Amino acid sequence: MPYTHRNTPSGYRYDSPVLLGEGTNFPKFLAALCSQHVAYDPGCKMGGLFTGKITQKARSQFRISLRRLNVLYNRIEPVDL
């Protein structure tokens, strides 16, 4: 989804068009992961380091480039908001 960062209270403005992908399944995802079109990018957010009350939040995120979306979806089309 395209966006513009602004220095306003909301911070972001989402722009048109967005890409709508249809027709996918888990075997397509696994094939894209095995062929390295999809990358697994784990991360960990830590807070409270200076207060002594440490909190952790794990996140699991998968990434793919826009030009490789066709390996995940049967059809991709731009949609205006």
N, C-alpha and C. Protein backbone atom coordinates (compact mmCIF):
# COMPACT_ATOMS: atom_id res chain seq x y z
N MET A 1 0.84 -1.16 0.00
CA MET A 1 0.00 0.00 0.00
C MET A 1 0.89 1.23 0.00
N PRO A 2 0.74 2.11 -0.98
CA PRO A 2 1.55 3.32 -0.99
C PRO A 2 1.10 4.29 0.10
N TYR A 3 2.07 4.99 0.68
CA TYR A 3 1.75 5.94 1.74
C TYR A 3 2.71 7.12 1.67
N THR A 4 2.30 8.20 2.34
CA THR A 4 3.11 9.39 2.46
C THR A 4 3.22 9.71 3.94
N HIS A 5 4.43 9.92 4.43
CA HIS A 5 4.62 10.28 5.82
C HIS A 5 4.46 11.79 5.97
N ARG A 6 3.67 12.19 6.97
CA ARG A 6 3.44 13.62 7.21
C ARG A 6 3.77 13.94 8.65
N ASN A 7 4.09 15.19 8.91
CA ASN A 7 4.33 15.65 10.27
C ASN A 7 3.05 16.22 10.87
N THR A 8 2.03 15.40 10.90
CA THR A 8 0.74 15.77 11.49
C THR A 8 0.43 14.76 12.58
N PRO A 9 -0.61 14.98 13.35
CA PRO A 9 -0.94 14.00 14.40
C PRO A 9 -1.15 12.58 13.89
N SER A 10 -1.73 12.41 12.70
CA SER A 10 -1.95 11.05 12.20
C SER A 10 -0.66 10.43 11.68
N GLY A 11 0.25 11.23 11.12
CA GLY A 11 1.56 10.74 10.72
C GLY A 11 1.65 10.13 9.34
N TYR A 12 0.62 9.46 8.86
CA TYR A 12 0.67 8.80 7.56
C TYR A 12 -0.59 9.09 6.76
N ARG A 13 -0.42 9.14 5.45
CA ARG A 13 -1.56 9.26 4.54
C ARG A 13 -1.43 8.13 3.54
N TYR A 14 -2.47 7.33 3.42
CA TYR A 14 -2.46 6.20 2.50
C TYR A 14 -3.00 6.63 1.16
N ASP A 15 -2.29 6.24 0.11
CA ASP A 15 -2.58 6.73 -1.24
C ASP A 15 -3.16 5.63 -2.12
N SER A 16 -3.71 6.03 -3.26
CA SER A 16 -4.22 5.13 -4.28
C SER A 16 -3.18 5.02 -5.38
N PRO A 17 -3.19 3.96 -6.14
CA PRO A 17 -4.00 2.77 -5.95
C PRO A 17 -3.32 1.78 -5.00
N VAL A 18 -4.11 0.87 -4.44
CA VAL A 18 -3.57 -0.25 -3.67
C VAL A 18 -3.62 -1.48 -4.57
N LEU A 19 -2.79 -2.45 -4.30
CA LEU A 19 -2.81 -3.68 -5.08
C LEU A 19 -3.67 -4.71 -4.37
N LEU A 20 -4.60 -5.30 -5.10
CA LEU A 20 -5.47 -6.34 -4.57
C LEU A 20 -5.08 -7.66 -5.21
N GLY A 21 -4.64 -8.60 -4.39
CA GLY A 21 -4.26 -9.92 -4.89
C GLY A 21 -5.34 -10.93 -4.58
N GLU A 22 -5.68 -11.77 -5.56
CA GLU A 22 -6.71 -12.79 -5.37
C GLU A 22 -6.18 -14.14 -5.85
N GLY A 23 -6.66 -15.20 -5.23
CA GLY A 23 -6.34 -16.55 -5.67
C GLY A 23 -4.98 -17.02 -5.18
N THR A 24 -4.88 -17.28 -3.90
CA THR A 24 -3.63 -17.82 -3.35
C THR A 24 -3.95 -18.99 -2.43
N ASN A 25 -2.93 -19.69 -2.01
CA ASN A 25 -3.10 -20.80 -1.08
C ASN A 25 -1.77 -21.04 -0.36
N PHE A 26 -1.80 -21.89 0.65
CA PHE A 26 -0.61 -22.13 1.45
C PHE A 26 0.50 -22.81 0.66
N PRO A 27 0.22 -23.79 -0.22
CA PRO A 27 1.31 -24.36 -1.03
C PRO A 27 2.03 -23.31 -1.89
N LYS A 28 1.31 -22.31 -2.41
CA LYS A 28 1.98 -21.23 -3.17
C LYS A 28 2.93 -20.45 -2.26
N PHE A 29 2.48 -20.18 -1.04
CA PHE A 29 3.33 -19.47 -0.08
C PHE A 29 4.59 -20.28 0.22
N LEU A 30 4.42 -21.57 0.48
CA LEU A 30 5.58 -22.42 0.78
C LEU A 30 6.55 -22.49 -0.40
N ALA A 31 6.00 -22.58 -1.62
CA ALA A 31 6.86 -22.60 -2.81
C ALA A 31 7.63 -21.28 -2.95
N ALA A 32 6.97 -20.16 -2.68
CA ALA A 32 7.64 -18.86 -2.76
C ALA A 32 8.70 -18.72 -1.67
N LEU A 33 8.44 -19.29 -0.50
CA LEU A 33 9.41 -19.27 0.58
C LEU A 33 10.63 -20.13 0.22
N CYS A 34 10.39 -21.31 -0.33
CA CYS A 34 11.48 -22.21 -0.72
C CYS A 34 12.33 -21.64 -1.85
N SER A 35 11.70 -20.91 -2.76
CA SER A 35 12.43 -20.33 -3.89
C SER A 35 13.03 -18.96 -3.54
N GLN A 36 12.93 -18.57 -2.28
CA GLN A 36 13.49 -17.34 -1.73
C GLN A 36 12.88 -16.06 -2.32
N HIS A 37 11.65 -16.16 -2.83
CA HIS A 37 10.93 -14.96 -3.24
C HIS A 37 10.31 -14.29 -2.01
N VAL A 38 9.98 -15.08 -1.01
CA VAL A 38 9.46 -14.58 0.25
C VAL A 38 10.57 -14.74 1.29
N ALA A 39 10.81 -13.69 2.07
CA ALA A 39 11.85 -13.74 3.11
C ALA A 39 11.19 -13.66 4.48
N TYR A 40 11.67 -14.48 5.40
CA TYR A 40 11.22 -14.44 6.78
C TYR A 40 12.10 -13.46 7.53
N ASP A 41 11.48 -12.47 8.16
CA ASP A 41 12.22 -11.39 8.82
C ASP A 41 11.73 -11.26 10.26
N PRO A 42 12.23 -12.11 11.18
CA PRO A 42 11.77 -12.03 12.57
C PRO A 42 12.37 -10.82 13.28
N GLY A 43 11.71 -10.41 14.32
CA GLY A 43 12.22 -9.28 15.08
C GLY A 43 11.72 -9.34 16.51
N CYS A 44 12.36 -8.58 17.37
CA CYS A 44 11.97 -8.52 18.77
C CYS A 44 12.04 -7.07 19.22
N LYS A 45 10.96 -6.59 19.81
CA LYS A 45 10.93 -5.23 20.33
C LYS A 45 11.09 -5.32 21.85
N MET A 46 12.04 -4.56 22.37
CA MET A 46 12.27 -4.55 23.81
C MET A 46 12.03 -3.15 24.35
N GLY A 47 11.41 -3.09 25.50
CA GLY A 47 11.15 -1.81 26.14
C GLY A 47 11.53 -1.87 27.60
N GLY A 48 11.55 -0.73 28.24
CA GLY A 48 11.84 -0.65 29.67
C GLY A 48 13.27 -0.93 30.04
N LEU A 49 14.20 -0.75 29.13
CA LEU A 49 15.59 -1.06 29.42
C LEU A 49 16.19 -0.15 30.49
N PHE A 50 15.70 1.08 30.57
CA PHE A 50 16.25 2.02 31.54
C PHE A 50 15.45 2.09 32.83
N THR A 51 14.29 1.47 32.86
CA THR A 51 13.46 1.49 34.07
C THR A 51 13.62 0.23 34.89
N GLY A 52 14.27 -0.79 34.33
CA GLY A 52 14.43 -2.05 35.04
C GLY A 52 13.27 -3.00 34.88
N LYS A 53 12.23 -2.57 34.19
CA LYS A 53 11.04 -3.40 33.96
C LYS A 53 11.00 -3.75 32.47
N ILE A 54 11.77 -4.74 32.09
CA ILE A 54 11.95 -5.07 30.68
C ILE A 54 10.72 -5.81 30.14
N THR A 55 10.26 -5.35 28.98
CA THR A 55 9.16 -6.01 28.29
C THR A 55 9.64 -6.41 26.90
N GLN A 56 9.14 -7.52 26.42
CA GLN A 56 9.49 -8.00 25.09
C GLN A 56 8.24 -8.27 24.28
N LYS A 57 8.34 -8.03 22.98
CA LYS A 57 7.24 -8.34 22.08
C LYS A 57 7.85 -8.91 20.80
N ALA A 58 7.56 -10.16 20.53
CA ALA A 58 8.08 -10.80 19.33
C ALA A 58 7.18 -10.46 18.15
N ARG A 59 7.78 -10.35 16.98
CA ARG A 59 6.99 -10.18 15.77
C ARG A 59 7.58 -11.08 14.70
N SER A 60 6.71 -11.69 13.97
CA SER A 60 7.11 -12.50 12.83
C SER A 60 6.56 -11.84 11.59
N GLN A 61 7.44 -11.55 10.65
CA GLN A 61 7.00 -10.85 9.45
C GLN A 61 7.63 -11.49 8.23
N PHE A 62 6.83 -11.60 7.19
CA PHE A 62 7.30 -12.11 5.92
C PHE A 62 7.30 -10.97 4.92
N ARG A 63 8.33 -10.92 4.08
CA ARG A 63 8.46 -9.84 3.11
C ARG A 63 8.62 -10.41 1.71
N ILE A 64 8.09 -9.66 0.73
CA ILE A 64 8.22 -10.02 -0.67
C ILE A 64 8.27 -8.72 -1.47
N SER A 65 9.04 -8.70 -2.54
CA SER A 65 9.10 -7.49 -3.36
C SER A 65 7.84 -7.41 -4.23
N LEU A 66 7.50 -6.18 -4.61
CA LEU A 66 6.29 -5.97 -5.42
C LEU A 66 6.35 -6.74 -6.74
N ARG A 67 7.50 -6.81 -7.35
CA ARG A 67 7.59 -7.48 -8.66
C ARG A 67 7.49 -9.00 -8.55
N ARG A 68 7.53 -9.55 -7.34
CA ARG A 68 7.41 -11.00 -7.14
C ARG A 68 6.04 -11.43 -6.63
N LEU A 69 5.12 -10.50 -6.47
CA LEU A 69 3.79 -10.85 -5.96
C LEU A 69 3.07 -11.87 -6.84
N ASN A 70 3.41 -11.92 -8.12
CA ASN A 70 2.74 -12.86 -9.02
C ASN A 70 3.00 -14.31 -8.65
N VAL A 71 4.02 -14.61 -7.86
CA VAL A 71 4.26 -15.99 -7.44
C VAL A 71 3.29 -16.39 -6.32
N LEU A 72 2.67 -15.42 -5.66
CA LEU A 72 1.73 -15.72 -4.58
C LEU A 72 0.27 -15.68 -5.01
N TYR A 73 -0.06 -14.88 -6.02
CA TYR A 73 -1.45 -14.66 -6.40
C TYR A 73 -1.71 -15.02 -7.86
N ASN A 74 -2.92 -15.49 -8.12
CA ASN A 74 -3.33 -15.76 -9.50
C ASN A 74 -3.64 -14.47 -10.26
N ARG A 75 -4.14 -13.48 -9.52
CA ARG A 75 -4.52 -12.22 -10.16
C ARG A 75 -4.19 -11.06 -9.22
N ILE A 76 -3.59 -10.02 -9.78
CA ILE A 76 -3.28 -8.81 -9.01
C ILE A 76 -3.76 -7.62 -9.82
N GLU A 77 -4.53 -6.75 -9.17
CA GLU A 77 -5.01 -5.57 -9.88
C GLU A 77 -4.96 -4.35 -8.97
N PRO A 78 -4.67 -3.18 -9.55
CA PRO A 78 -4.70 -1.95 -8.77
C PRO A 78 -6.15 -1.51 -8.53
N VAL A 79 -6.41 -1.03 -7.32
CA VAL A 79 -7.75 -0.57 -6.94
C VAL A 79 -7.62 0.82 -6.35
N ASP A 80 -8.42 1.77 -6.86
CA ASP A 80 -8.42 3.13 -6.30
C ASP A 80 -9.21 3.15 -5.00
N LEU A 81 -8.70 3.90 -4.03
CA LEU A 81 -9.41 4.06 -2.75
C LEU A 81 -10.48 5.11 -2.85
